[in-house]
Amino acid sequence: AFLGPPEVNISSCLNCLNITVKLPKSHLRKNGKLLSLIDIYEELDYEIRLKTPEGEQRRSEKTTREIFNTVLEELYPNRNYCVSITISASLNKNSIASPWKCATTDSIAQQDYRVDTIIGAVCFSLSIMVILICLYAGGFILQRNSLPHTLV
């Protein structure tokens, strides 16, 4: 029997990828209850394949949970990475890899750009308000009294 493919979701963070893996369902029943792969094997191996512009890296880990998270750290910001996960057990090495899922790691520059934009917009709005208040106080806009005939 083949194990897999697992359900994989990835989200990006600064210099990292957050990977959530949900183990595939088994078809084995005991007393009418569908057993999970953890019920059957207790511990499973999973291999993370990470595609980068430079090539492919592999990392092996173990899990005892149906749904688990792992984080790939020390990645370059603003780069596209693709991930595929393979599940296997000590007694069953036959597995089907998950489809490739891709994400772009976050960039420091993009986050700073958002903050700079907000600060710039607030400063611009405040400066317009100060100019309007000065024009009002000087009597150049929204005049209450018309000018005397001698000044016209």
N, C-alpha and C. Protein backbone atom coordinates (compact mmCIF):
# COMPACT_ATOMS: atom_id res chain seq x y z
N ALA A 1 0.84 -1.19 0.00
CA ALA A 1 0.00 0.00 0.00
C ALA A 1 0.88 1.24 0.00
N PHE A 2 0.45 2.23 -0.76
CA PHE A 2 1.20 3.48 -0.85
C PHE A 2 0.70 4.48 0.19
N LEU A 3 1.61 5.24 0.78
CA LEU A 3 1.26 6.30 1.72
C LEU A 3 1.28 7.63 0.98
N GLY A 4 0.20 8.37 1.11
CA GLY A 4 0.23 9.70 0.54
C GLY A 4 -0.77 9.88 -0.57
N PRO A 5 -0.77 11.05 -1.12
CA PRO A 5 0.06 12.21 -0.77
C PRO A 5 -0.54 12.98 0.42
N PRO A 6 0.33 13.61 1.22
CA PRO A 6 -0.19 14.44 2.32
C PRO A 6 -0.73 15.76 1.78
N GLU A 7 -1.56 16.40 2.58
CA GLU A 7 -2.09 17.72 2.23
C GLU A 7 -1.10 18.76 2.79
N VAL A 8 -0.63 19.65 1.94
CA VAL A 8 0.41 20.61 2.33
C VAL A 8 -0.06 22.03 2.05
N ASN A 9 0.11 22.92 3.02
CA ASN A 9 -0.13 24.35 2.84
C ASN A 9 1.10 25.11 3.30
N ILE A 10 1.48 26.13 2.55
CA ILE A 10 2.63 26.93 2.98
C ILE A 10 2.25 28.40 2.99
N SER A 11 2.86 29.12 3.92
CA SER A 11 2.70 30.57 3.97
C SER A 11 4.08 31.16 4.21
N SER A 12 4.26 32.37 3.72
CA SER A 12 5.58 32.97 3.82
C SER A 12 5.69 33.84 5.06
N CYS A 13 6.90 33.95 5.55
CA CYS A 13 7.25 34.86 6.62
C CYS A 13 8.61 35.45 6.26
N LEU A 14 9.12 36.33 7.08
CA LEU A 14 10.39 37.00 6.76
C LEU A 14 11.53 35.98 6.82
N ASN A 15 12.18 35.74 5.71
CA ASN A 15 13.30 34.79 5.59
C ASN A 15 12.91 33.35 5.94
N CYS A 16 11.61 33.01 5.84
CA CYS A 16 11.22 31.64 6.19
C CYS A 16 9.91 31.26 5.50
N LEU A 17 9.61 29.95 5.55
CA LEU A 17 8.35 29.41 5.07
C LEU A 17 7.74 28.60 6.20
N ASN A 18 6.46 28.81 6.46
CA ASN A 18 5.72 28.06 7.46
C ASN A 18 4.93 26.98 6.73
N ILE A 19 5.19 25.72 7.04
CA ILE A 19 4.57 24.60 6.33
C ILE A 19 3.64 23.85 7.27
N THR A 20 2.40 23.65 6.84
CA THR A 20 1.44 22.84 7.59
C THR A 20 1.16 21.58 6.79
N VAL A 21 1.30 20.44 7.45
CA VAL A 21 1.13 19.14 6.77
C VAL A 21 0.02 18.37 7.47
N LYS A 22 -0.90 17.84 6.65
CA LYS A 22 -1.96 16.97 7.16
C LYS A 22 -1.74 15.60 6.53
N LEU A 23 -1.58 14.59 7.39
CA LEU A 23 -1.30 13.24 6.89
C LEU A 23 -2.47 12.72 6.06
N PRO A 24 -2.18 11.87 5.08
CA PRO A 24 -3.27 11.27 4.29
C PRO A 24 -4.07 10.30 5.14
N LYS A 25 -5.29 10.02 4.72
CA LYS A 25 -6.17 9.07 5.41
C LYS A 25 -5.73 7.65 5.08
N SER A 26 -5.91 6.77 6.04
CA SER A 26 -5.69 5.35 5.76
C SER A 26 -7.05 4.73 5.40
N HIS A 27 -7.01 3.53 4.89
CA HIS A 27 -8.26 2.85 4.55
C HIS A 27 -8.50 1.67 5.48
N LEU A 28 -7.69 1.57 6.53
CA LEU A 28 -7.78 0.46 7.46
C LEU A 28 -8.77 0.76 8.57
N ARG A 29 -9.63 -0.21 8.86
CA ARG A 29 -10.63 -0.05 9.93
C ARG A 29 -10.40 -1.10 11.01
N LYS A 30 -10.70 -0.68 12.24
CA LYS A 30 -10.65 -1.61 13.37
C LYS A 30 -11.89 -1.34 14.22
N ASN A 31 -12.73 -2.35 14.40
CA ASN A 31 -13.99 -2.22 15.13
C ASN A 31 -14.87 -1.11 14.54
N GLY A 32 -14.87 -0.98 13.21
CA GLY A 32 -15.70 0.01 12.54
C GLY A 32 -15.11 1.41 12.53
N LYS A 33 -13.98 1.62 13.21
CA LYS A 33 -13.37 2.95 13.27
C LYS A 33 -12.22 3.03 12.26
N LEU A 34 -12.21 4.12 11.50
CA LEU A 34 -11.14 4.34 10.53
C LEU A 34 -9.87 4.71 11.29
N LEU A 35 -8.82 3.94 11.11
CA LEU A 35 -7.56 4.20 11.81
C LEU A 35 -6.75 5.26 11.07
N SER A 36 -6.05 6.08 11.82
CA SER A 36 -5.14 7.06 11.21
C SER A 36 -3.80 6.38 10.98
N LEU A 37 -2.95 7.01 10.19
CA LEU A 37 -1.62 6.45 9.96
C LEU A 37 -0.81 6.41 11.25
N ILE A 38 -1.06 7.35 12.17
CA ILE A 38 -0.37 7.36 13.47
C ILE A 38 -0.85 6.18 14.30
N ASP A 39 -2.16 5.85 14.24
CA ASP A 39 -2.67 4.66 14.94
C ASP A 39 -1.96 3.39 14.44
N ILE A 40 -1.68 3.34 13.17
CA ILE A 40 -1.10 2.14 12.56
C ILE A 40 0.41 2.07 12.80
N TYR A 41 1.13 3.18 12.50
CA TYR A 41 2.59 3.16 12.53
C TYR A 41 3.22 3.83 13.76
N GLU A 42 2.46 4.54 14.55
CA GLU A 42 2.90 5.30 15.73
C GLU A 42 3.81 6.47 15.38
N GLU A 43 4.81 6.26 14.54
CA GLU A 43 5.71 7.34 14.15
C GLU A 43 5.96 7.25 12.65
N LEU A 44 5.94 8.41 12.00
CA LEU A 44 6.16 8.45 10.56
C LEU A 44 7.35 9.35 10.24
N ASP A 45 8.02 9.03 9.15
CA ASP A 45 9.10 9.88 8.64
C ASP A 45 8.50 10.76 7.56
N TYR A 46 8.97 11.99 7.48
CA TYR A 46 8.58 12.82 6.35
C TYR A 46 9.82 13.52 5.81
N GLU A 47 9.83 13.66 4.51
CA GLU A 47 10.95 14.33 3.84
C GLU A 47 10.43 15.59 3.18
N ILE A 48 11.11 16.68 3.44
CA ILE A 48 10.78 17.96 2.81
C ILE A 48 11.75 18.17 1.66
N ARG A 49 11.18 18.37 0.48
CA ARG A 49 12.01 18.72 -0.68
C ARG A 49 11.76 20.20 -0.96
N LEU A 50 12.82 20.97 -0.97
CA LEU A 50 12.74 22.42 -1.17
C LEU A 50 13.47 22.78 -2.46
N LYS A 51 12.71 23.32 -3.43
CA LYS A 51 13.31 23.77 -4.69
C LYS A 51 13.64 25.25 -4.57
N THR A 52 14.87 25.59 -4.88
CA THR A 52 15.32 26.97 -4.88
C THR A 52 15.86 27.28 -6.27
N PRO A 53 16.12 28.55 -6.57
CA PRO A 53 16.74 28.87 -7.87
C PRO A 53 18.10 28.18 -8.04
N GLU A 54 18.76 27.86 -6.92
CA GLU A 54 20.09 27.24 -6.99
C GLU A 54 20.03 25.72 -7.12
N GLY A 55 18.89 25.12 -6.81
CA GLY A 55 18.79 23.65 -6.87
C GLY A 55 17.75 23.13 -5.90
N GLU A 56 17.92 21.88 -5.48
CA GLU A 56 16.95 21.25 -4.59
C GLU A 56 17.64 20.77 -3.32
N GLN A 57 16.97 20.99 -2.17
CA GLN A 57 17.49 20.53 -0.89
C GLN A 57 16.48 19.55 -0.30
N ARG A 58 16.99 18.63 0.53
CA ARG A 58 16.12 17.65 1.19
C ARG A 58 16.41 17.65 2.68
N ARG A 59 15.35 17.47 3.46
CA ARG A 59 15.49 17.40 4.91
C ARG A 59 14.51 16.36 5.43
N SER A 60 14.98 15.45 6.29
CA SER A 60 14.12 14.41 6.84
C SER A 60 13.83 14.68 8.31
N GLU A 61 12.58 14.42 8.71
CA GLU A 61 12.12 14.62 10.09
C GLU A 61 11.20 13.46 10.45
N LYS A 62 10.78 13.44 11.72
CA LYS A 62 9.81 12.44 12.20
C LYS A 62 8.62 13.16 12.82
N THR A 63 7.46 12.48 12.79
CA THR A 63 6.27 13.05 13.42
C THR A 63 5.43 11.96 14.07
N THR A 64 4.69 12.35 15.10
CA THR A 64 3.73 11.45 15.75
C THR A 64 2.35 12.12 15.77
N ARG A 65 2.16 13.12 14.90
CA ARG A 65 0.90 13.88 14.88
C ARG A 65 0.26 13.81 13.51
N GLU A 66 -1.08 13.88 13.49
CA GLU A 66 -1.86 13.86 12.25
C GLU A 66 -1.66 15.14 11.44
N ILE A 67 -1.66 16.28 12.15
CA ILE A 67 -1.45 17.58 11.52
C ILE A 67 -0.29 18.24 12.26
N PHE A 68 0.69 18.70 11.53
CA PHE A 68 1.86 19.30 12.18
C PHE A 68 2.40 20.45 11.34
N ASN A 69 3.17 21.31 12.01
CA ASN A 69 3.80 22.45 11.36
C ASN A 69 5.31 22.31 11.43
N THR A 70 5.96 22.85 10.44
CA THR A 70 7.40 22.97 10.47
C THR A 70 7.76 24.28 9.77
N VAL A 71 8.88 24.86 10.16
CA VAL A 71 9.30 26.14 9.59
C VAL A 71 10.68 25.97 8.96
N LEU A 72 10.79 26.37 7.71
CA LEU A 72 12.10 26.40 7.04
C LEU A 72 12.65 27.81 7.20
N GLU A 73 13.76 27.92 7.92
CA GLU A 73 14.31 29.24 8.24
C GLU A 73 15.57 29.51 7.44
N GLU A 74 16.10 30.71 7.62
CA GLU A 74 17.34 31.16 6.99
C GLU A 74 17.26 31.11 5.47
N LEU A 75 16.09 31.49 4.94
CA LEU A 75 15.92 31.60 3.49
C LEU A 75 16.16 33.04 3.08
N TYR A 76 16.39 33.24 1.80
CA TYR A 76 16.60 34.59 1.30
C TYR A 76 15.26 35.31 1.17
N PRO A 77 15.21 36.61 1.53
CA PRO A 77 13.95 37.35 1.38
C PRO A 77 13.60 37.57 -0.09
N ASN A 78 12.30 37.70 -0.35
CA ASN A 78 11.79 38.03 -1.67
C ASN A 78 12.24 37.04 -2.75
N ARG A 79 12.26 35.75 -2.40
CA ARG A 79 12.61 34.70 -3.36
C ARG A 79 11.49 33.67 -3.40
N ASN A 80 11.33 33.04 -4.54
CA ASN A 80 10.31 32.01 -4.70
C ASN A 80 10.89 30.65 -4.32
N TYR A 81 10.17 29.93 -3.47
CA TYR A 81 10.56 28.59 -3.06
C TYR A 81 9.37 27.65 -3.27
N CYS A 82 9.68 26.39 -3.65
CA CYS A 82 8.64 25.39 -3.83
C CYS A 82 8.93 24.21 -2.90
N VAL A 83 7.84 23.63 -2.35
CA VAL A 83 7.98 22.56 -1.35
C VAL A 83 7.12 21.37 -1.74
N SER A 84 7.66 20.17 -1.53
CA SER A 84 6.91 18.93 -1.68
C SER A 84 7.26 18.04 -0.49
N ILE A 85 6.25 17.35 0.05
CA ILE A 85 6.45 16.50 1.23
C ILE A 85 6.14 15.05 0.87
N THR A 86 6.99 14.14 1.36
CA THR A 86 6.78 12.71 1.19
C THR A 86 6.70 12.07 2.58
N ILE A 87 5.70 11.21 2.79
CA ILE A 87 5.50 10.52 4.06
C ILE A 87 5.91 9.05 3.89
N SER A 88 6.63 8.51 4.86
CA SER A 88 6.95 7.08 4.83
C SER A 88 7.01 6.55 6.26
N ALA A 89 6.97 5.24 6.38
CA ALA A 89 7.05 4.58 7.68
C ALA A 89 8.20 3.58 7.64
N SER A 90 8.66 3.17 8.80
CA SER A 90 9.77 2.21 8.85
C SER A 90 9.39 0.89 8.16
N LEU A 91 8.10 0.53 8.24
CA LEU A 91 7.63 -0.71 7.63
C LEU A 91 7.09 -0.53 6.22
N ASN A 92 6.93 0.72 5.79
CA ASN A 92 6.36 0.99 4.47
C ASN A 92 7.06 2.20 3.84
N LYS A 93 7.93 1.92 2.90
CA LYS A 93 8.67 3.00 2.22
C LYS A 93 7.98 3.45 0.93
N ASN A 94 6.85 2.81 0.57
CA ASN A 94 6.12 3.19 -0.63
C ASN A 94 5.32 4.45 -0.35
N SER A 95 5.62 5.52 -1.07
CA SER A 95 4.90 6.77 -0.80
C SER A 95 4.71 7.58 -2.06
N ILE A 96 3.70 8.46 -1.99
CA ILE A 96 3.40 9.38 -3.08
C ILE A 96 3.64 10.78 -2.53
N ALA A 97 4.47 11.55 -3.22
CA ALA A 97 4.81 12.91 -2.77
C ALA A 97 3.63 13.85 -3.00
N SER A 98 3.56 14.88 -2.17
CA SER A 98 2.52 15.90 -2.36
C SER A 98 2.85 16.71 -3.61
N PRO A 99 1.84 17.34 -4.20
CA PRO A 99 2.12 18.24 -5.32
C PRO A 99 2.99 19.40 -4.83
N TRP A 100 3.76 19.99 -5.72
CA TRP A 100 4.61 21.12 -5.36
C TRP A 100 3.73 22.32 -5.01
N LYS A 101 4.05 22.99 -3.91
CA LYS A 101 3.40 24.24 -3.51
C LYS A 101 4.49 25.30 -3.43
N CYS A 102 4.21 26.48 -3.97
CA CYS A 102 5.23 27.53 -4.02
C CYS A 102 4.77 28.79 -3.29
N ALA A 103 5.75 29.53 -2.77
CA ALA A 103 5.49 30.81 -2.10
C ALA A 103 6.75 31.65 -2.19
N THR A 104 6.55 32.95 -2.08
CA THR A 104 7.67 33.89 -2.09
C THR A 104 7.87 34.40 -0.67
N THR A 105 9.10 34.31 -0.19
CA THR A 105 9.39 34.79 1.16
C THR A 105 9.21 36.30 1.21
N ASP A 106 8.81 36.81 2.38
CA ASP A 106 8.57 38.24 2.55
C ASP A 106 9.87 39.01 2.47
N SER A 107 9.74 40.28 2.15
CA SER A 107 10.90 41.15 2.00
C SER A 107 10.87 42.24 3.06
N ILE A 108 12.03 42.56 3.61
CA ILE A 108 12.15 43.66 4.59
C ILE A 108 11.77 44.97 3.91
N ALA A 109 12.23 45.15 2.68
CA ALA A 109 11.98 46.41 1.96
C ALA A 109 10.48 46.64 1.79
N GLN A 110 9.72 45.61 1.48
CA GLN A 110 8.28 45.77 1.29
C GLN A 110 7.60 46.20 2.58
N GLN A 111 8.02 45.62 3.71
CA GLN A 111 7.40 45.97 4.99
C GLN A 111 7.76 47.41 5.36
N ASP A 112 9.03 47.81 5.15
CA ASP A 112 9.45 49.18 5.44
C ASP A 112 8.72 50.16 4.54
N TYR A 113 8.50 49.78 3.30
CA TYR A 113 7.81 50.64 2.34
C TYR A 113 6.40 50.96 2.81
N ARG A 114 5.69 49.98 3.34
CA ARG A 114 4.33 50.21 3.84
C ARG A 114 4.33 51.21 4.99
N VAL A 115 5.24 51.05 5.93
CA VAL A 115 5.33 51.96 7.08
C VAL A 115 5.69 53.36 6.61
N ASP A 116 6.66 53.48 5.70
CA ASP A 116 7.07 54.80 5.18
C ASP A 116 5.91 55.49 4.47
N THR A 117 5.12 54.74 3.74
CA THR A 117 3.98 55.31 3.02
C THR A 117 2.96 55.89 4.00
N ILE A 118 2.67 55.16 5.06
CA ILE A 118 1.70 55.64 6.05
C ILE A 118 2.23 56.88 6.76
N ILE A 119 3.48 56.87 7.17
CA ILE A 119 4.07 58.03 7.85
C ILE A 119 4.06 59.24 6.91
N GLY A 120 4.41 59.03 5.65
CA GLY A 120 4.42 60.12 4.67
C GLY A 120 3.03 60.71 4.47
N ALA A 121 2.02 59.86 4.39
CA ALA A 121 0.64 60.34 4.21
C ALA A 121 0.18 61.15 5.41
N VAL A 122 0.51 60.72 6.62
CA VAL A 122 0.12 61.46 7.84
C VAL A 122 0.81 62.83 7.87
N CYS A 123 2.10 62.87 7.58
CA CYS A 123 2.84 64.15 7.57
C CYS A 123 2.29 65.10 6.51
N PHE A 124 1.98 64.59 5.33
CA PHE A 124 1.43 65.42 4.27
C PHE A 124 0.08 66.01 4.70
N SER A 125 -0.78 65.18 5.30
CA SER A 125 -2.09 65.66 5.76
C SER A 125 -1.95 66.72 6.82
N LEU A 126 -1.04 66.52 7.76
CA LEU A 126 -0.82 67.53 8.82
C LEU A 126 -0.31 68.85 8.24
N SER A 127 0.58 68.79 7.27
CA SER A 127 1.11 70.03 6.69
C SER A 127 0.01 70.79 5.94
N ILE A 128 -0.88 70.10 5.23
CA ILE A 128 -2.01 70.75 4.55
C ILE A 128 -2.91 71.43 5.58
N MET A 129 -3.18 70.75 6.70
CA MET A 129 -4.03 71.33 7.74
C MET A 129 -3.40 72.60 8.32
N VAL A 130 -2.09 72.58 8.57
CA VAL A 130 -1.40 73.75 9.12
C VAL A 130 -1.48 74.93 8.14
N ILE A 131 -1.29 74.67 6.86
CA ILE A 131 -1.36 75.73 5.84
C ILE A 131 -2.78 76.32 5.81
N LEU A 132 -3.80 75.47 5.84
CA LEU A 132 -5.19 75.97 5.82
C LEU A 132 -5.50 76.80 7.07
N ILE A 133 -5.03 76.39 8.22
CA ILE A 133 -5.26 77.15 9.47
C ILE A 133 -4.59 78.52 9.38
N CYS A 134 -3.36 78.56 8.86
CA CYS A 134 -2.66 79.84 8.71
C CYS A 134 -3.39 80.77 7.73
N LEU A 135 -3.88 80.22 6.62
CA LEU A 135 -4.62 81.04 5.65
C LEU A 135 -5.92 81.56 6.26
N TYR A 136 -6.58 80.75 7.07
CA TYR A 136 -7.81 81.18 7.73
C TYR A 136 -7.51 82.28 8.76
N ALA A 137 -6.46 82.05 9.57
CA ALA A 137 -6.11 83.04 10.60
C ALA A 137 -5.68 84.36 9.96
N GLY A 138 -5.06 84.31 8.81
CA GLY A 138 -4.62 85.53 8.12
C GLY A 138 -5.75 86.21 7.37
N GLY A 139 -6.92 85.58 7.32
CA GLY A 139 -8.07 86.18 6.67
C GLY A 139 -8.11 86.00 5.16
N PHE A 140 -7.29 85.09 4.64
CA PHE A 140 -7.27 84.89 3.20
C PHE A 140 -8.38 83.97 2.71
N ILE A 141 -8.89 83.08 3.58
CA ILE A 141 -10.00 82.21 3.20
C ILE A 141 -11.09 82.30 4.26
N LEU A 142 -12.34 82.04 3.81
CA LEU A 142 -13.52 82.06 4.69
C LEU A 142 -13.60 83.37 5.51
N GLN A 143 -13.52 84.51 4.81
CA GLN A 143 -13.60 85.80 5.51
C GLN A 143 -15.01 86.02 6.04
N ARG A 144 -15.08 86.50 7.29
CA ARG A 144 -16.40 86.76 7.89
C ARG A 144 -16.93 88.14 7.49
N ASN A 145 -16.07 89.09 7.48
CA ASN A 145 -16.49 90.47 7.18
C ASN A 145 -15.96 90.88 5.80
N SER A 146 -16.79 91.60 5.09
CA SER A 146 -16.29 92.12 3.82
C SER A 146 -15.38 93.31 4.10
N LEU A 147 -14.58 93.67 3.14
CA LEU A 147 -13.63 94.78 3.32
C LEU A 147 -14.38 96.12 3.33
N PRO A 148 -13.90 97.12 4.11
CA PRO A 148 -14.51 98.45 4.09
C PRO A 148 -14.37 99.07 2.70
N HIS A 149 -15.31 99.99 2.34
CA HIS A 149 -15.30 100.60 1.00
C HIS A 149 -14.00 101.34 0.72
N THR A 150 -13.36 101.89 1.76
CA THR A 150 -12.13 102.65 1.54
C THR A 150 -10.99 101.76 1.06
N LEU A 151 -11.01 100.46 1.45
CA LEU A 151 -9.95 99.54 1.04
C LEU A 151 -10.23 98.91 -0.32
N VAL A 152 -11.50 98.95 -0.76
CA VAL A 152 -11.84 98.35 -2.05
C VAL A 152 -11.37 99.30 -3.10
